[in-house]
Amino acid sequence: MKVFILLAAVVATTLAAFDFRPEDLTVQVENGPSANIFEIIGKLIEIGLPVACGPDVAALLELLNLPQEFMGIINMAKGIVCGGF
């Protein structure tokens, strides 16, 4: 039990040390548009889970040849939205 309390205290201290800002969740491509993960999640939910989580969207994204920064944030958003789908 003491180990659990100590581990919980370490985790709480570590999480308190991190400060997430909105700009941490935004990708800006040089001389291009920016993308916010919350906007992408909203769009994925808007088009519907069967479409957003299906293989067609993944194939379309590959065809678009987007910068790695965008692909990373899109894949993160898809992981959040399509987690158990």
C-alpha atoms as a PDB file:
ATOM      1  CA  MET A   1       0.000   0.000   0.000  1.00  0.00           C
ATOM      2  CA  LYS A   2       2.882   2.362   0.761  1.00  0.00           C
ATOM      3  CA  VAL A   3       4.322   1.734  -2.690  1.00  0.00           C
ATOM      4  CA  PHE A   4       0.981   2.592  -4.296  1.00  0.00           C
ATOM      5  CA  ILE A   5       0.743   5.878  -2.375  1.00  0.00           C
ATOM      6  CA  LEU A   6       4.334   6.749  -3.237  1.00  0.00           C
ATOM      7  CA  LEU A   7       3.747   5.913  -6.905  1.00  0.00           C
ATOM      8  CA  ALA A   8       0.541   7.994  -6.970  1.00  0.00           C
ATOM      9  CA  ALA A   9       2.408  10.941  -5.452  1.00  0.00           C
ATOM     10  CA  VAL A  10       5.190  10.674  -8.049  1.00  0.00           C
ATOM     11  CA  VAL A  11       2.667  10.512 -10.908  1.00  0.00           C
ATOM     12  CA  ALA A  12       0.707  13.483  -9.545  1.00  0.00           C
ATOM     13  CA  THR A  13       3.886  15.530  -9.181  1.00  0.00           C
ATOM     14  CA  THR A  14       5.006  14.631 -12.687  1.00  0.00           C
ATOM     15  CA  LEU A  15       1.658  15.547 -14.237  1.00  0.00           C
ATOM     16  CA  ALA A  16       1.595  18.835 -12.358  1.00  0.00           C
ATOM     17  CA  ALA A  17       5.011  19.677 -13.811  1.00  0.00           C
ATOM     18  CA  PHE A  18       3.729  19.442 -17.385  1.00  0.00           C
ATOM     19  CA  ASP A  19       1.887  22.464 -18.693  1.00  0.00           C
ATOM     20  CA  PHE A  20      -0.071  21.784 -21.889  1.00  0.00           C
ATOM     21  CA  ARG A  21      -0.826  24.869 -23.928  1.00  0.00           C
ATOM     22  CA  PRO A  22      -3.129  25.076 -26.972  1.00  0.00           C
ATOM     23  CA  GLU A  23      -0.128  25.754 -29.194  1.00  0.00           C
ATOM     24  CA  ASP A  24       1.301  22.377 -28.126  1.00  0.00           C
ATOM     25  CA  LEU A  25      -1.639  20.739 -29.909  1.00  0.00           C
ATOM     26  CA  THR A  26      -1.325  22.801 -33.092  1.00  0.00           C
ATOM     27  CA  VAL A  27       0.865  22.083 -36.092  1.00  0.00           C
ATOM     28  CA  GLN A  28       2.128  24.947 -38.227  1.00  0.00           C
ATOM     29  CA  VAL A  29       3.746  24.165 -41.556  1.00  0.00           C
ATOM     30  CA  GLU A  30       6.223  26.727 -42.837  1.00  0.00           C
ATOM     31  CA  ASN A  31       4.430  29.182 -45.136  1.00  0.00           C
ATOM     32  CA  GLY A  32       1.255  27.131 -44.909  1.00  0.00           C
ATOM     33  CA  PRO A  33      -1.894  26.529 -42.921  1.00  0.00           C
ATOM     34  CA  SER A  34      -2.047  25.394 -39.315  1.00  0.00           C
ATOM     35  CA  ALA A  35      -4.034  22.463 -37.927  1.00  0.00           C
ATOM     36  CA  ASN A  36      -5.421  22.065 -34.435  1.00  0.00           C
ATOM     37  CA  ILE A  37      -6.083  18.555 -33.134  1.00  0.00           C
ATOM     38  CA  PHE A  38      -9.466  19.607 -31.747  1.00  0.00           C
ATOM     39  CA  GLU A  39     -10.570  20.846 -35.174  1.00  0.00           C
ATOM     40  CA  ILE A  40      -9.459  17.579 -36.764  1.00  0.00           C
ATOM     41  CA  ILE A  41     -11.291  15.511 -34.133  1.00  0.00           C
ATOM     42  CA  GLY A  42     -14.412  17.588 -34.759  1.00  0.00           C
ATOM     43  CA  LYS A  43     -14.193  16.997 -38.516  1.00  0.00           C
ATOM     44  CA  LEU A  44     -13.657  13.254 -38.048  1.00  0.00           C
ATOM     45  CA  ILE A  45     -16.738  13.039 -35.828  1.00  0.00           C
ATOM     46  CA  GLU A  46     -18.670  15.226 -38.274  1.00  0.00           C
ATOM     47  CA  ILE A  47     -18.070  12.894 -41.227  1.00  0.00           C
ATOM     48  CA  GLY A  48     -19.015   9.874 -39.108  1.00  0.00           C
ATOM     49  CA  LEU A  49     -17.040   7.086 -37.505  1.00  0.00           C
ATOM     50  CA  PRO A  50     -17.596   4.448 -40.217  1.00  0.00           C
ATOM     51  CA  VAL A  51     -16.199   6.795 -42.853  1.00  0.00           C
ATOM     52  CA  ALA A  52     -13.488   8.445 -40.738  1.00  0.00           C
ATOM     53  CA  CYS A  53     -12.182   5.155 -39.366  1.00  0.00           C
ATOM     54  CA  GLY A  54     -12.500   3.216 -42.614  1.00  0.00           C
ATOM     55  CA  PRO A  55      -9.777   2.289 -45.077  1.00  0.00           C
ATOM     56  CA  ASP A  56     -10.977   4.814 -47.679  1.00  0.00           C
ATOM     57  CA  VAL A  57      -9.879   7.820 -45.620  1.00  0.00           C
ATOM     58  CA  ALA A  58      -6.508   6.234 -44.902  1.00  0.00           C
ATOM     59  CA  ALA A  59      -5.965   5.619 -48.636  1.00  0.00           C
ATOM     60  CA  LEU A  60      -7.048   9.176 -49.462  1.00  0.00           C
ATOM     61  CA  LEU A  61      -4.653  10.635 -46.909  1.00  0.00           C
ATOM     62  CA  GLU A  62      -1.791   8.666 -48.433  1.00  0.00           C
ATOM     63  CA  LEU A  63      -2.672   9.984 -51.890  1.00  0.00           C
ATOM     64  CA  LEU A  64      -2.640  13.585 -50.649  1.00  0.00           C
ATOM     65  CA  ASN A  65       1.024  13.271 -49.661  1.00  0.00           C
ATOM     66  CA  LEU A  66       0.657  15.672 -46.735  1.00  0.00           C
ATOM     67  CA  PRO A  67       3.660  16.813 -44.686  1.00  0.00           C
ATOM     68  CA  GLN A  68       4.697  14.508 -41.853  1.00  0.00           C
ATOM     69  CA  GLU A  69       3.585  17.083 -39.264  1.00  0.00           C
ATOM     70  CA  PHE A  70       0.013  16.953 -40.563  1.00  0.00           C
ATOM     71  CA  MET A  71       0.007  13.184 -40.885  1.00  0.00           C
ATOM     72  CA  GLY A  72       1.192  12.856 -37.298  1.00  0.00           C
ATOM     73  CA  ILE A  73      -1.567  15.042 -35.881  1.00  0.00           C
ATOM     74  CA  ILE A  74      -4.209  13.404 -38.126  1.00  0.00           C
ATOM     75  CA  ASN A  75      -3.116   9.941 -37.013  1.00  0.00           C
ATOM     76  CA  MET A  76      -3.212  11.078 -33.389  1.00  0.00           C
ATOM     77  CA  ALA A  77      -6.754  12.401 -33.853  1.00  0.00           C
ATOM     78  CA  LYS A  78      -7.814   9.194 -35.613  1.00  0.00           C
ATOM     79  CA  GLY A  79      -6.344   7.196 -32.734  1.00  0.00           C
ATOM     80  CA  ILE A  80      -8.449   9.175 -30.271  1.00  0.00           C
ATOM     81  CA  VAL A  81     -11.664   9.038 -32.311  1.00  0.00           C
ATOM     82  CA  CYS A  82     -11.329   5.542 -33.754  1.00  0.00           C
ATOM     83  CA  GLY A  83      -9.786   3.918 -30.667  1.00  0.00           C
ATOM     84  CA  GLY A  84     -12.211   1.014 -30.343  1.00  0.00           C
ATOM     85  CA  PHE A  85     -13.836   1.163 -33.755  1.00  0.00           C
END
